[in-house]
N, C-alpha and C. Protein backbone atom coordinates (compact mmCIF):
# COMPACT_ATOMS: atom_id res chain seq x y z
N MET A 1 -21.62 -48.90 125.01
CA MET A 1 -20.75 -49.29 124.46
C MET A 1 -19.58 -49.08 125.36
N VAL A 2 -18.42 -50.16 125.39
CA VAL A 2 -17.30 -50.79 126.26
C VAL A 2 -16.57 -50.24 125.12
N LEU A 3 -15.59 -49.22 126.27
CA LEU A 3 -14.09 -48.89 125.25
C LEU A 3 -12.90 -49.49 125.47
N THR A 4 -13.33 -50.87 125.17
CA THR A 4 -11.97 -52.11 125.11
C THR A 4 -10.91 -51.64 124.18
N GLY A 5 -10.26 -50.89 123.43
CA GLY A 5 -9.53 -50.62 123.11
C GLY A 5 -8.70 -49.57 123.89
N THR A 6 -9.39 -48.40 124.58
CA THR A 6 -8.71 -47.52 125.09
C THR A 6 -8.40 -47.68 126.29
N LEU A 7 -9.77 -48.91 126.80
CA LEU A 7 -8.85 -49.52 128.79
C LEU A 7 -7.53 -50.24 128.12
N PHE A 8 -7.77 -50.63 126.95
CA PHE A 8 -6.39 -51.59 126.71
C PHE A 8 -5.10 -50.95 126.74
N ASN A 9 -5.19 -49.72 126.31
CA ASN A 9 -4.79 -48.78 125.67
C ASN A 9 -3.67 -47.90 127.36
N THR A 10 -4.45 -47.73 128.30
CA THR A 10 -4.64 -47.35 129.26
C THR A 10 -3.91 -48.34 130.12
N ILE A 11 -4.07 -49.89 129.93
CA ILE A 11 -3.33 -50.81 131.18
C ILE A 11 -1.99 -50.61 130.46
N ALA A 12 -1.69 -50.54 128.79
CA ALA A 12 -0.71 -50.73 128.30
C ALA A 12 0.83 -49.59 128.77
N VAL A 13 -0.16 -48.92 128.71
CA VAL A 13 0.28 -47.67 129.70
C VAL A 13 1.48 -47.61 131.18
N ALA A 14 0.21 -47.89 131.89
CA ALA A 14 0.78 -48.30 133.14
C ALA A 14 1.31 -49.22 133.46
N THR A 15 1.11 -50.50 132.50
CA THR A 15 1.94 -51.37 133.45
C THR A 15 3.46 -50.96 132.49
N GLY A 16 3.83 -50.73 130.83
CA GLY A 16 5.25 -50.17 131.05
C GLY A 16 5.30 -49.18 131.23
N ALA A 17 5.01 -48.29 132.35
CA ALA A 17 5.49 -46.69 132.93
C ALA A 17 6.04 -47.21 134.19
N SER A 18 5.55 -48.97 134.70
CA SER A 18 5.88 -49.17 136.29
C SER A 18 7.36 -49.77 136.14
N ILE A 19 6.76 -50.98 134.85
CA ILE A 19 8.27 -51.66 134.66
C ILE A 19 9.90 -50.32 134.36
N GLY A 20 9.12 -49.61 133.93
CA GLY A 20 10.09 -48.52 133.40
C GLY A 20 10.57 -47.35 134.62
N LEU A 21 10.01 -47.65 135.65
CA LEU A 21 10.05 -46.90 136.50
C LEU A 21 11.37 -47.94 137.57
N LEU A 22 10.75 -49.02 137.41
CA LEU A 22 11.62 -49.63 138.14
C LEU A 22 13.17 -50.25 137.75
N SER A 23 13.25 -49.74 136.30
CA SER A 23 13.89 -50.52 135.79
C SER A 23 15.13 -48.85 135.71
N ARG A 24 14.82 -47.83 136.38
CA ARG A 24 15.58 -46.13 136.17
C ARG A 24 16.43 -46.19 136.65
N LYS A 25 16.89 -46.92 137.85
CA LYS A 25 17.95 -46.48 138.78
C LYS A 25 18.97 -47.85 137.81
N VAL A 26 18.54 -48.78 136.89
CA VAL A 26 19.69 -49.51 136.31
C VAL A 26 20.25 -48.71 135.01
N LEU A 27 19.15 -47.69 134.60
CA LEU A 27 20.12 -47.10 132.78
C LEU A 27 20.87 -45.80 133.42
N PRO A 28 21.78 -45.70 132.77
CA PRO A 28 22.58 -44.81 132.95
C PRO A 28 22.09 -42.88 132.72
N ALA A 29 22.38 -42.31 132.93
CA ALA A 29 22.10 -41.04 132.73
C ALA A 29 22.00 -41.09 131.07
N SER A 30 23.44 -41.00 130.67
CA SER A 30 23.62 -40.90 128.92
C SER A 30 22.16 -41.72 128.48
N ALA A 31 22.18 -42.64 128.73
CA ALA A 31 21.30 -43.79 128.50
C ALA A 31 19.72 -42.84 128.37
N GLN A 32 19.39 -42.61 129.36
CA GLN A 32 18.08 -42.09 129.32
C GLN A 32 17.78 -40.47 128.64
N LYS A 33 19.17 -40.13 128.38
CA LYS A 33 19.20 -38.59 127.96
C LYS A 33 18.96 -39.06 126.43
N ASN A 34 19.53 -40.27 126.11
CA ASN A 34 19.55 -40.97 124.28
C ASN A 34 18.22 -41.19 123.95
N ILE A 35 17.52 -41.68 125.09
CA ILE A 35 16.51 -42.28 124.96
C ILE A 35 15.55 -41.21 124.40
N LEU A 36 15.15 -39.67 125.30
CA LEU A 36 14.90 -38.73 125.58
C LEU A 36 14.88 -38.38 123.30
N VAL A 37 16.38 -38.24 123.31
CA VAL A 37 16.21 -37.94 121.51
C VAL A 37 15.84 -38.55 120.35
N VAL A 38 16.07 -39.78 121.09
CA VAL A 38 15.26 -40.86 120.31
C VAL A 38 13.90 -40.61 119.85
N PHE A 39 13.15 -40.40 121.37
CA PHE A 39 11.53 -40.22 121.19
C PHE A 39 11.45 -38.75 120.37
N GLY A 40 12.24 -38.30 120.57
CA GLY A 40 11.88 -37.09 120.28
C GLY A 40 12.31 -36.76 118.56
N LEU A 41 12.93 -37.39 117.84
CA LEU A 41 13.34 -38.02 116.33
C LEU A 41 12.28 -38.18 116.04
N PHE A 42 11.57 -39.45 116.64
CA PHE A 42 10.48 -40.29 116.18
C PHE A 42 9.30 -39.67 116.31
N THR A 43 9.05 -38.41 117.19
CA THR A 43 7.95 -37.76 117.34
C THR A 43 7.88 -36.61 115.89
N LEU A 44 9.16 -35.94 115.73
CA LEU A 44 9.33 -35.36 114.62
C LEU A 44 8.90 -36.01 113.35
N ALA A 45 9.35 -37.67 113.38
CA ALA A 45 9.01 -38.07 112.37
C ALA A 45 7.67 -38.11 111.53
N LEU A 46 6.94 -38.27 112.98
CA LEU A 46 5.17 -38.64 113.40
C LEU A 46 4.89 -37.50 112.77
N SER A 47 5.49 -36.55 113.56
CA SER A 47 4.76 -34.83 112.82
C SER A 47 4.70 -34.60 111.55
N PHE A 48 5.96 -34.86 110.59
CA PHE A 48 5.88 -34.78 109.90
C PHE A 48 5.11 -35.21 108.67
N GLN A 49 4.66 -36.30 108.97
CA GLN A 49 3.85 -37.53 108.23
C GLN A 49 2.40 -36.92 108.19
N MET A 50 1.74 -36.14 108.94
CA MET A 50 0.70 -35.84 109.79
C MET A 50 0.17 -34.43 109.21
N ILE A 51 1.42 -33.77 109.04
CA ILE A 51 1.38 -32.70 108.53
C ILE A 51 1.51 -32.91 106.76
N THR A 52 2.04 -33.47 106.19
CA THR A 52 1.45 -33.43 104.96
C THR A 52 0.90 -34.51 104.22
N GLU A 53 -0.23 -34.70 104.93
CA GLU A 53 -1.45 -35.48 105.03
C GLU A 53 -2.31 -34.31 104.44
N ALA A 54 -2.89 -33.65 104.72
CA ALA A 54 -3.11 -32.32 104.05
C ALA A 54 -3.10 -31.06 103.36
N LYS A 55 -4.23 -30.46 102.75
CA LYS A 55 -3.35 -29.02 102.41
C LYS A 55 -3.01 -28.21 103.47
N PRO A 56 -1.93 -27.39 103.45
CA PRO A 56 -2.44 -26.55 104.41
C PRO A 56 -3.59 -25.28 104.52
N SER A 57 -3.82 -24.78 105.45
CA SER A 57 -5.40 -24.69 105.55
C SER A 57 -5.28 -22.93 106.50
N ILE A 58 -5.74 -22.35 105.85
CA ILE A 58 -5.40 -20.82 106.94
C ILE A 58 -6.24 -20.65 108.22
N ASP A 59 -7.19 -21.97 108.56
CA ASP A 59 -8.48 -21.66 109.04
C ASP A 59 -7.36 -22.79 110.46
N ILE A 60 -6.26 -23.80 110.02
CA ILE A 60 -5.47 -24.49 110.66
C ILE A 60 -4.43 -23.57 111.76
N PHE A 61 -3.92 -22.00 110.44
CA PHE A 61 -2.93 -21.70 111.26
C PHE A 61 -3.75 -20.47 112.00
N LEU A 62 -4.69 -20.14 111.75
CA LEU A 62 -6.18 -18.69 112.97
C LEU A 62 -6.41 -19.87 114.13
N ALA A 63 -6.39 -21.14 113.94
CA ALA A 63 -6.61 -22.10 115.34
C ALA A 63 -5.43 -22.22 116.39
N ILE A 64 -4.13 -22.07 115.85
CA ILE A 64 -3.04 -22.63 116.57
C ILE A 64 -2.41 -20.92 117.27
N VAL A 65 -3.03 -19.94 116.16
CA VAL A 65 -2.73 -18.43 116.92
C VAL A 65 -3.71 -17.83 117.96
N LEU A 66 -5.07 -18.42 117.60
CA LEU A 66 -5.94 -18.30 118.89
C LEU A 66 -5.49 -18.82 119.89
N GLY A 67 -5.52 -20.72 119.92
CA GLY A 67 -5.21 -21.51 120.67
C GLY A 67 -4.13 -20.84 121.84
N SER A 68 -3.05 -20.78 121.00
CA SER A 68 -2.26 -20.03 121.42
C SER A 68 -1.84 -18.61 122.63
N LEU A 69 -2.88 -17.90 122.00
CA LEU A 69 -2.95 -17.06 122.83
C LEU A 69 -4.09 -17.45 123.91
N LEU A 70 -5.11 -17.86 123.55
CA LEU A 70 -6.12 -18.47 124.63
C LEU A 70 -5.10 -19.19 126.00
N GLY A 71 -4.38 -20.05 125.63
CA GLY A 71 -4.01 -20.68 126.58
C GLY A 71 -2.78 -20.08 127.20
N THR A 72 -2.35 -19.12 126.55
CA THR A 72 -1.21 -18.25 127.34
C THR A 72 -1.99 -17.52 128.27
N LEU A 73 -3.09 -16.41 127.61
CA LEU A 73 -3.52 -15.91 128.65
C LEU A 73 -4.50 -16.81 130.11
N LEU A 74 -5.28 -18.10 129.66
CA LEU A 74 -5.27 -18.65 130.88
C LEU A 74 -4.27 -19.63 131.45
N LYS A 75 -3.08 -19.15 131.38
CA LYS A 75 -1.75 -19.99 131.81
C LYS A 75 -2.12 -21.12 132.23
N LEU A 76 -2.53 -21.74 131.31
CA LEU A 76 -2.74 -23.68 131.60
C LEU A 76 -1.79 -24.38 131.82
N ASP A 77 -0.01 -24.25 131.15
CA ASP A 77 1.02 -24.61 131.48
C ASP A 77 1.47 -24.22 132.76
N HIS A 78 1.38 -23.05 132.89
CA HIS A 78 1.73 -22.48 134.56
C HIS A 78 0.83 -23.07 135.37
N HIS A 79 -0.84 -23.14 135.52
CA HIS A 79 -1.85 -23.85 136.90
C HIS A 79 -1.47 -25.45 136.72
N PHE A 80 -0.79 -25.79 135.32
CA PHE A 80 -0.76 -27.43 135.35
C PHE A 80 0.05 -27.64 135.98
N SER A 81 1.44 -27.08 136.04
CA SER A 81 2.70 -27.08 136.61
C SER A 81 2.29 -27.40 138.68
N LYS A 82 1.23 -27.07 139.09
CA LYS A 82 1.42 -26.72 140.18
C LYS A 82 0.69 -28.10 140.82
N LEU A 83 0.44 -29.04 139.78
CA LEU A 83 0.05 -30.34 140.07
C LEU A 83 1.28 -31.16 140.63
N LYS A 84 2.47 -30.79 140.20
CA LYS A 84 3.76 -31.62 140.73
C LYS A 84 3.54 -33.02 139.99
N LEU A 85 3.22 -33.22 138.71
CA LEU A 85 3.23 -34.39 138.64
C LEU A 85 4.30 -34.53 137.26
N GLY A 86 5.04 -33.39 137.57
CA GLY A 86 6.37 -33.41 135.96
C GLY A 86 6.07 -33.35 134.67
N SER A 87 7.12 -33.17 134.07
CA SER A 87 6.71 -32.73 132.52
C SER A 87 6.88 -33.62 132.16
N GLY A 88 6.92 -35.46 132.45
CA GLY A 88 7.37 -36.49 131.83
C GLY A 88 5.59 -36.44 131.71
N PHE A 89 4.40 -36.24 132.33
CA PHE A 89 3.49 -36.09 132.34
C PHE A 89 2.45 -35.84 130.93
N MET A 90 2.87 -34.68 130.64
CA MET A 90 2.83 -33.74 129.87
C MET A 90 3.31 -34.69 128.33
N LYS A 91 4.44 -34.87 128.83
CA LYS A 91 4.72 -34.86 127.34
C LYS A 91 4.39 -36.35 126.67
N ALA A 92 4.86 -36.85 127.47
CA ALA A 92 4.16 -38.63 127.36
C ALA A 92 2.79 -38.64 127.21
N THR A 93 1.72 -38.02 127.66
CA THR A 93 0.09 -38.14 127.14
C THR A 93 0.44 -37.01 125.77
N LEU A 94 1.15 -36.38 125.73
CA LEU A 94 0.94 -35.69 124.26
C LEU A 94 1.09 -36.93 123.20
N LEU A 95 2.02 -37.39 123.27
CA LEU A 95 3.24 -38.63 122.82
C LEU A 95 1.83 -39.77 122.22
N PHE A 96 1.30 -40.31 123.82
CA PHE A 96 0.20 -41.42 123.13
C PHE A 96 -1.53 -40.74 122.82
N CYS A 97 -1.41 -40.09 122.58
CA CYS A 97 -2.92 -39.05 122.53
C CYS A 97 -3.12 -38.32 121.53
N VAL A 98 -1.41 -37.58 120.96
CA VAL A 98 -2.31 -36.46 119.64
C VAL A 98 -1.33 -37.19 118.43
N GLY A 99 -1.82 -38.03 117.67
CA GLY A 99 -1.27 -38.59 116.96
C GLY A 99 -2.80 -38.80 115.74
N GLY A 100 -2.18 -39.22 114.96
CA GLY A 100 -2.94 -39.93 113.89
C GLY A 100 -3.95 -41.16 113.85
N MET A 101 -2.83 -41.92 114.63
CA MET A 101 -3.05 -43.36 114.88
C MET A 101 -4.40 -42.96 116.18
N THR A 102 -4.30 -42.00 116.93
CA THR A 102 -5.44 -41.94 118.19
C THR A 102 -6.53 -41.33 117.46
N LEU A 103 -6.00 -40.67 116.77
CA LEU A 103 -7.60 -40.01 115.90
C LEU A 103 -8.55 -41.04 115.41
N VAL A 104 -7.67 -41.56 114.80
CA VAL A 104 -8.30 -42.97 113.81
C VAL A 104 -8.82 -43.91 114.45
N GLY A 105 -8.19 -44.21 115.52
CA GLY A 105 -8.24 -45.17 116.32
C GLY A 105 -9.36 -45.15 117.29
N CYS A 106 -9.71 -43.52 117.56
CA CYS A 106 -11.02 -43.53 118.85
C CYS A 106 -12.10 -43.58 117.65
N MET A 107 -11.84 -42.98 116.45
CA MET A 107 -12.96 -42.59 115.55
C MET A 107 -13.86 -43.74 115.11
N ASN A 108 -12.90 -44.94 114.71
CA ASN A 108 -13.24 -46.62 114.78
C ASN A 108 -13.86 -47.29 115.58
N GLU A 109 -13.30 -46.73 116.93
CA GLU A 109 -13.60 -47.97 117.84
C GLU A 109 -15.34 -46.92 118.29
N GLY A 110 -15.84 -45.78 118.13
CA GLY A 110 -16.79 -44.89 118.30
C GLY A 110 -18.02 -44.98 117.56
N ILE A 111 -16.91 -45.07 116.03
CA ILE A 111 -18.62 -45.25 114.79
C ILE A 111 -18.68 -47.00 114.63
N LYS A 112 -17.77 -48.01 114.54
CA LYS A 112 -17.26 -49.20 114.12
C LYS A 112 -17.43 -50.44 114.89
N ASP A 113 -17.50 -49.46 116.45
CA ASP A 113 -16.88 -50.85 117.15
C ASP A 113 -15.64 -51.82 116.97
N ASP A 114 -14.90 -50.78 115.97
CA ASP A 114 -13.53 -51.58 115.63
C ASP A 114 -12.61 -51.10 116.40
N THR A 115 -11.97 -52.20 117.27
CA THR A 115 -10.51 -51.65 118.36
C THR A 115 -9.25 -51.78 118.02
N ASN A 116 -9.19 -52.63 116.73
CA ASN A 116 -8.30 -53.23 116.26
C ASN A 116 -6.63 -52.25 115.97
N LEU A 117 -6.97 -51.01 115.34
CA LEU A 117 -6.33 -49.92 115.53
C LEU A 117 -5.57 -49.71 117.50
N LEU A 118 -6.78 -49.58 117.84
CA LEU A 118 -6.07 -48.73 119.21
C LEU A 118 -5.13 -50.12 119.99
N MET A 119 -5.71 -51.75 119.94
CA MET A 119 -5.05 -52.33 120.43
C MET A 119 -3.23 -52.50 119.85
N ILE A 120 -3.37 -52.28 118.58
CA ILE A 120 -1.64 -52.12 118.49
C ILE A 120 -1.34 -51.18 118.47
N LYS A 121 -1.92 -49.75 118.93
CA LYS A 121 -1.28 -48.60 119.43
C LYS A 121 -1.17 -48.97 121.09
N GLY A 122 -1.83 -50.30 121.44
CA GLY A 122 -1.36 -49.96 123.26
C GLY A 122 -0.26 -50.53 123.03
N VAL A 123 0.44 -51.98 122.13
CA VAL A 123 1.45 -52.20 122.37
C VAL A 123 2.66 -51.41 121.74
N MET A 124 2.26 -51.02 121.04
CA MET A 124 3.53 -49.38 120.47
C MET A 124 3.59 -48.80 122.20
N ASP A 125 3.00 -48.12 122.67
CA ASP A 125 2.46 -47.38 123.84
C ASP A 125 3.19 -48.11 125.03
N LEU A 126 3.13 -49.51 125.10
CA LEU A 126 3.54 -50.38 126.38
C LEU A 126 5.04 -49.82 126.19
N ILE A 127 5.55 -50.23 124.91
CA ILE A 127 7.37 -50.62 125.00
C ILE A 127 7.45 -48.97 124.89
N SER A 128 6.95 -47.60 124.62
CA SER A 128 7.19 -46.00 124.91
C SER A 128 7.32 -46.13 125.93
N SER A 129 6.16 -46.17 126.21
CA SER A 129 5.99 -45.88 128.41
C SER A 129 7.17 -46.46 129.38
N PHE A 130 7.71 -47.79 128.52
CA PHE A 130 8.56 -48.42 129.64
C PHE A 130 10.25 -47.02 129.20
N PHE A 131 10.22 -46.96 128.08
CA PHE A 131 11.27 -46.33 128.26
C PHE A 131 10.94 -44.95 128.21
N LEU A 132 10.11 -44.21 128.43
CA LEU A 132 9.59 -42.77 128.50
C LEU A 132 9.87 -42.93 130.39
N ALA A 133 9.10 -43.67 130.46
CA ALA A 133 9.41 -43.25 132.42
C ALA A 133 10.95 -43.68 133.11
N ALA A 134 11.70 -44.83 132.12
CA ALA A 134 12.98 -44.59 133.25
C ALA A 134 13.63 -42.84 132.62
N ALA A 135 13.39 -42.20 131.68
CA ALA A 135 13.72 -41.25 131.09
C ALA A 135 13.53 -40.00 131.79
N LEU A 136 11.71 -40.11 132.25
CA LEU A 136 10.80 -39.11 132.52
C LEU A 136 10.76 -38.80 134.40
N GLY A 137 10.53 -40.37 134.71
CA GLY A 137 9.54 -40.05 135.38
C GLY A 137 8.88 -40.52 136.03
N ARG A 138 8.44 -40.25 137.26
CA ARG A 138 6.46 -41.39 137.38
C ARG A 138 5.88 -40.20 136.66
N GLY A 139 5.64 -38.82 135.79
CA GLY A 139 4.79 -38.48 135.53
C GLY A 139 4.34 -39.46 134.48
N VAL A 140 5.35 -40.34 133.84
CA VAL A 140 4.77 -41.09 132.45
C VAL A 140 3.75 -41.99 133.30
N LEU A 141 4.02 -42.35 134.16
CA LEU A 141 2.94 -43.21 134.79
C LEU A 141 1.43 -42.37 134.94
N PHE A 142 1.56 -41.57 135.48
CA PHE A 142 0.39 -40.97 135.66
C PHE A 142 -0.39 -40.44 133.91
N SER A 143 0.51 -40.45 133.15
CA SER A 143 -0.05 -40.33 131.42
C SER A 143 -1.20 -41.14 131.95
N ALA A 144 -0.73 -42.47 132.13
CA ALA A 144 -2.01 -43.33 131.98
C ALA A 144 -3.67 -43.24 131.91
N ILE A 145 -3.81 -41.82 132.91
CA ILE A 145 -5.01 -41.42 133.48
C ILE A 145 -4.92 -40.52 132.10
N GLY A 146 -4.45 -39.70 131.59
CA GLY A 146 -4.64 -38.91 130.44
C GLY A 146 -5.19 -39.67 129.38
N VAL A 147 -4.16 -40.56 128.80
CA VAL A 147 -4.86 -41.55 127.75
C VAL A 147 -6.56 -42.27 128.23
N LEU A 148 -6.42 -42.73 129.20
CA LEU A 148 -8.27 -43.18 129.42
C LEU A 148 -9.30 -41.75 129.37
N VAL A 149 -8.57 -40.22 129.96
CA VAL A 149 -9.41 -39.77 129.88
C VAL A 149 -10.06 -38.92 128.21
N ILE A 150 -8.66 -38.91 127.57
CA ILE A 150 -8.71 -37.97 126.27
C ILE A 150 -9.22 -38.97 125.25
N GLN A 151 -8.21 -40.27 125.43
CA GLN A 151 -8.98 -41.07 124.44
C GLN A 151 -10.45 -41.31 124.47
N GLY A 152 -10.59 -41.76 125.87
CA GLY A 152 -12.08 -42.20 126.39
C GLY A 152 -13.31 -41.10 125.89
N SER A 153 -13.10 -39.72 126.05
CA SER A 153 -14.05 -38.52 125.60
C SER A 153 -14.26 -38.54 124.17
N MET A 154 -12.82 -38.94 123.64
CA MET A 154 -12.87 -39.03 121.88
C MET A 154 -13.70 -39.82 120.98
N THR A 155 -13.47 -40.90 121.90
CA THR A 155 -13.99 -42.18 121.48
C THR A 155 -15.83 -42.07 121.68
N ILE A 156 -15.98 -41.41 123.01
CA ILE A 156 -17.76 -41.06 123.19
C ILE A 156 -18.34 -40.39 122.03
N GLY A 157 -17.07 -39.22 122.36
CA GLY A 157 -17.60 -37.98 120.94
C GLY A 157 -17.93 -38.36 119.70
N PHE A 158 -16.87 -39.34 118.89
CA PHE A 158 -17.40 -40.23 117.99
C PHE A 158 -18.10 -41.20 117.78
N PHE A 159 -18.29 -41.77 118.91
CA PHE A 159 -19.86 -42.64 119.23
C PHE A 159 -20.89 -41.60 118.65
N TYR A 160 -21.10 -40.60 118.87
CA TYR A 160 -22.90 -39.84 119.36
C TYR A 160 -22.23 -38.93 117.91
N ILE A 161 -21.61 -38.06 117.37
CA ILE A 161 -21.51 -37.28 116.43
C ILE A 161 -20.59 -37.57 115.34
N GLY A 162 -19.79 -38.09 115.40
CA GLY A 162 -18.69 -39.08 114.81
C GLY A 162 -19.20 -39.20 112.86
N GLU A 163 -20.04 -39.16 112.73
CA GLU A 163 -20.56 -39.56 111.71
C GLU A 163 -20.75 -37.79 110.89
N GLN A 164 -21.43 -36.76 111.91
CA GLN A 164 -21.64 -35.20 111.29
C GLN A 164 -20.30 -34.99 111.44
N ILE A 165 -19.25 -35.53 111.58
CA ILE A 165 -17.80 -34.85 111.49
C ILE A 165 -17.10 -35.20 109.72
N SER A 166 -16.60 -33.64 109.31
CA SER A 166 -16.45 -33.84 107.87
C SER A 166 -15.28 -34.95 108.03
N PRO A 167 -14.59 -35.65 106.71
CA PRO A 167 -13.42 -35.71 106.76
C PRO A 167 -12.02 -34.74 106.34
N GLU A 168 -12.67 -33.12 105.82
CA GLU A 168 -12.18 -32.44 105.95
C GLU A 168 -11.56 -31.53 106.94
N LEU A 169 -12.79 -31.77 107.68
CA LEU A 169 -12.31 -30.88 109.48
C LEU A 169 -11.49 -32.25 110.39
N VAL A 170 -11.37 -33.75 110.15
CA VAL A 170 -10.47 -34.43 110.41
C VAL A 170 -9.58 -34.37 109.88
N ASP A 171 -8.76 -33.95 108.65
CA ASP A 171 -7.95 -33.55 107.80
C ASP A 171 -6.86 -32.65 108.60
N LYS A 172 -7.93 -31.33 108.76
CA LYS A 172 -7.48 -30.39 110.02
C LYS A 172 -6.91 -30.48 111.03
N LEU A 173 -7.41 -31.41 111.83
CA LEU A 173 -7.70 -31.84 113.14
C LEU A 173 -5.86 -32.50 112.84
N THR A 174 -5.83 -33.38 112.04
CA THR A 174 -4.46 -34.15 111.59
C THR A 174 -3.66 -33.01 111.70
N VAL A 175 -3.77 -32.05 110.88
CA VAL A 175 -2.46 -31.53 110.77
C VAL A 175 -2.56 -30.49 112.03
N THR A 176 -3.18 -29.93 112.50
CA THR A 176 -2.88 -29.70 113.96
C THR A 176 -2.50 -30.29 114.91
N GLY A 177 -2.47 -31.56 114.83
CA GLY A 177 -1.95 -32.23 115.78
C GLY A 177 -0.30 -32.20 115.39
N GLY A 178 -0.30 -32.52 114.62
CA GLY A 178 1.38 -33.04 113.76
C GLY A 178 1.67 -31.46 114.00
N ILE A 179 1.29 -30.03 113.76
CA ILE A 179 2.40 -29.52 114.49
C ILE A 179 2.07 -29.27 115.98
N ILE A 180 1.90 -29.63 116.74
CA ILE A 180 2.02 -29.69 117.86
C ILE A 180 2.94 -30.66 118.57
N LEU A 181 2.91 -31.78 117.75
CA LEU A 181 3.82 -32.82 118.01
C LEU A 181 5.29 -32.29 117.05
N LEU A 182 5.46 -31.65 116.50
CA LEU A 182 6.49 -30.86 115.95
C LEU A 182 6.93 -30.30 117.31
N ALA A 183 6.53 -29.18 117.54
CA ALA A 183 6.74 -28.16 118.84
C ALA A 183 7.29 -29.40 120.03
N LEU A 184 6.79 -30.24 120.40
CA LEU A 184 6.78 -31.86 121.47
C LEU A 184 8.56 -32.56 120.54
N GLY A 185 8.62 -32.73 119.37
CA GLY A 185 9.56 -33.63 119.14
C GLY A 185 11.13 -32.67 120.04
N LEU A 186 10.87 -31.29 119.49
CA LEU A 186 11.86 -30.53 119.45
C LEU A 186 12.27 -30.30 121.06
N ASP A 187 10.90 -29.97 121.47
CA ASP A 187 11.10 -30.19 122.86
C ASP A 187 11.70 -31.60 124.13
N LEU A 188 11.76 -32.24 123.50
CA LEU A 188 12.25 -33.80 123.72
C LEU A 188 13.52 -33.96 123.38
N MET A 189 13.93 -32.78 122.26
CA MET A 189 15.65 -33.28 122.04
C MET A 189 15.88 -31.92 122.38
N ASN A 190 15.43 -31.10 123.45
CA ASN A 190 15.72 -29.61 123.66
C ASN A 190 16.54 -28.73 123.47
N VAL A 191 16.08 -28.78 121.92
CA VAL A 191 16.41 -28.05 120.83
C VAL A 191 15.93 -26.77 121.57
N LYS A 192 14.29 -26.35 121.73
CA LYS A 192 13.79 -25.28 122.03
C LYS A 192 12.35 -25.92 122.63
N GLU A 193 12.19 -25.18 124.05
CA GLU A 193 11.21 -25.34 124.87
C GLU A 193 10.15 -24.54 124.74
N PHE A 194 8.86 -25.48 125.18
CA PHE A 194 7.94 -25.15 124.50
C PHE A 194 7.04 -25.51 125.60
N LYS A 195 5.84 -24.19 125.51
CA LYS A 195 4.51 -24.76 127.20
C LYS A 195 3.78 -25.11 126.16
N ILE A 196 3.90 -26.41 125.38
CA ILE A 196 2.59 -27.00 124.74
C ILE A 196 1.25 -27.27 125.36
N LEU A 197 1.13 -27.25 126.74
CA LEU A 197 -0.29 -27.03 126.90
C LEU A 197 -1.04 -25.80 126.47
N ASN A 198 -0.64 -24.34 126.29
CA ASN A 198 -1.17 -23.47 125.90
C ASN A 198 -1.38 -23.80 124.51
N LEU A 199 -1.16 -24.58 123.61
CA LEU A 199 -0.96 -24.73 122.82
C LEU A 199 -2.50 -25.54 122.11
N MET A 200 -2.71 -26.08 123.14
CA MET A 200 -4.16 -27.17 122.97
C MET A 200 -5.37 -26.72 122.73
N PRO A 201 -5.66 -25.16 123.54
CA PRO A 201 -6.88 -25.16 123.07
C PRO A 201 -7.04 -24.74 121.83
N ALA A 202 -6.00 -24.83 120.51
CA ALA A 202 -6.22 -24.86 119.15
C ALA A 202 -7.07 -26.09 118.77
N PHE A 203 -6.71 -27.32 119.52
CA PHE A 203 -8.12 -28.10 119.00
C PHE A 203 -9.72 -27.98 118.81
N ILE A 204 -9.69 -27.50 120.13
CA ILE A 204 -11.49 -26.59 120.51
C ILE A 204 -11.47 -25.58 119.23
N ILE A 205 -10.73 -24.44 119.40
CA ILE A 205 -11.08 -23.29 118.80
C ILE A 205 -11.16 -24.05 116.92
N LEU A 206 -10.05 -25.15 116.45
CA LEU A 206 -10.85 -24.98 115.30
C LEU A 206 -12.31 -26.09 114.42
N PRO A 207 -12.51 -26.74 115.33
CA PRO A 207 -13.54 -26.72 114.42
C PRO A 207 -14.92 -25.66 114.30
N VAL A 208 -14.76 -24.44 115.42
CA VAL A 208 -15.53 -23.52 115.08
C VAL A 208 -15.44 -22.69 114.06
N ILE A 209 -13.83 -22.33 114.01
CA ILE A 209 -13.21 -21.61 112.50
C ILE A 209 -13.69 -22.46 111.18
N HIS A 210 -13.43 -24.10 111.66
CA HIS A 210 -14.10 -24.31 109.87
C HIS A 210 -15.26 -24.46 109.62
N TYR A 211 -16.64 -24.57 110.52
CA TYR A 211 -17.70 -24.51 110.39
C TYR A 211 -17.94 -22.85 110.12
N ILE A 212 -17.56 -22.14 110.73
CA ILE A 212 -17.72 -20.94 110.51
C ILE A 212 -17.42 -20.55 108.97
N HIS A 213 -16.08 -20.69 108.63
CA HIS A 213 -15.16 -21.05 107.41
C HIS A 213 -16.61 -21.80 106.08
N SER A 214 -16.98 -22.55 106.74
CA SER A 214 -17.69 -23.40 105.66
C SER A 214 -19.43 -22.99 105.15
N MET A 215 -19.19 -21.87 106.18
CA MET A 215 -20.84 -21.10 106.10
C MET A 215 -20.78 -19.91 105.15
N ILE A 216 -19.82 -19.57 104.77
CA ILE A 216 -19.01 -17.69 104.35
C ILE A 216 -19.21 -18.48 102.68
């Protein structure tokens, strides 16, 4: 299996971010701040769309609560901050990888070998990474690695077990991603600071809760 869509997306992010870094000195600080507000608004709109795609579920609530607790106990955000990649890395990686287009795109590539959606996403991320790198710095460039690892892992996962994942679980994962993107959007707009990495274990806990719930 060749991860064509993911590789294209990775190269697109690296290219856009590189050009954005070179253009950073040209953009005034006020423009960089406005860019973050715009991306915050876009992220909020995307999160609302994802959240409303499925019915509310106690499984999602429990996964986020337990995931947040686990992430806090493990101090994921604290340990990651020591890597000195900057907040831009995590914010950009989440924006590029936590979304309905990512989930469905990786599913299509893994199960059907259909790269069309990830190709479209790659073009969108090319433009986004340019502006984000200009506003957030070199961490956005390193987010290309995050795209490669996360999307690549998802695509490989769907290749091997994708047909066994129920549509209901996909909906719940989408809503969970929407809630996390909601936090990211508020963070980008500087409305409320979130340690978003501490929420990420929810994606691991949710499938466990879902399958336990389905057996009861």
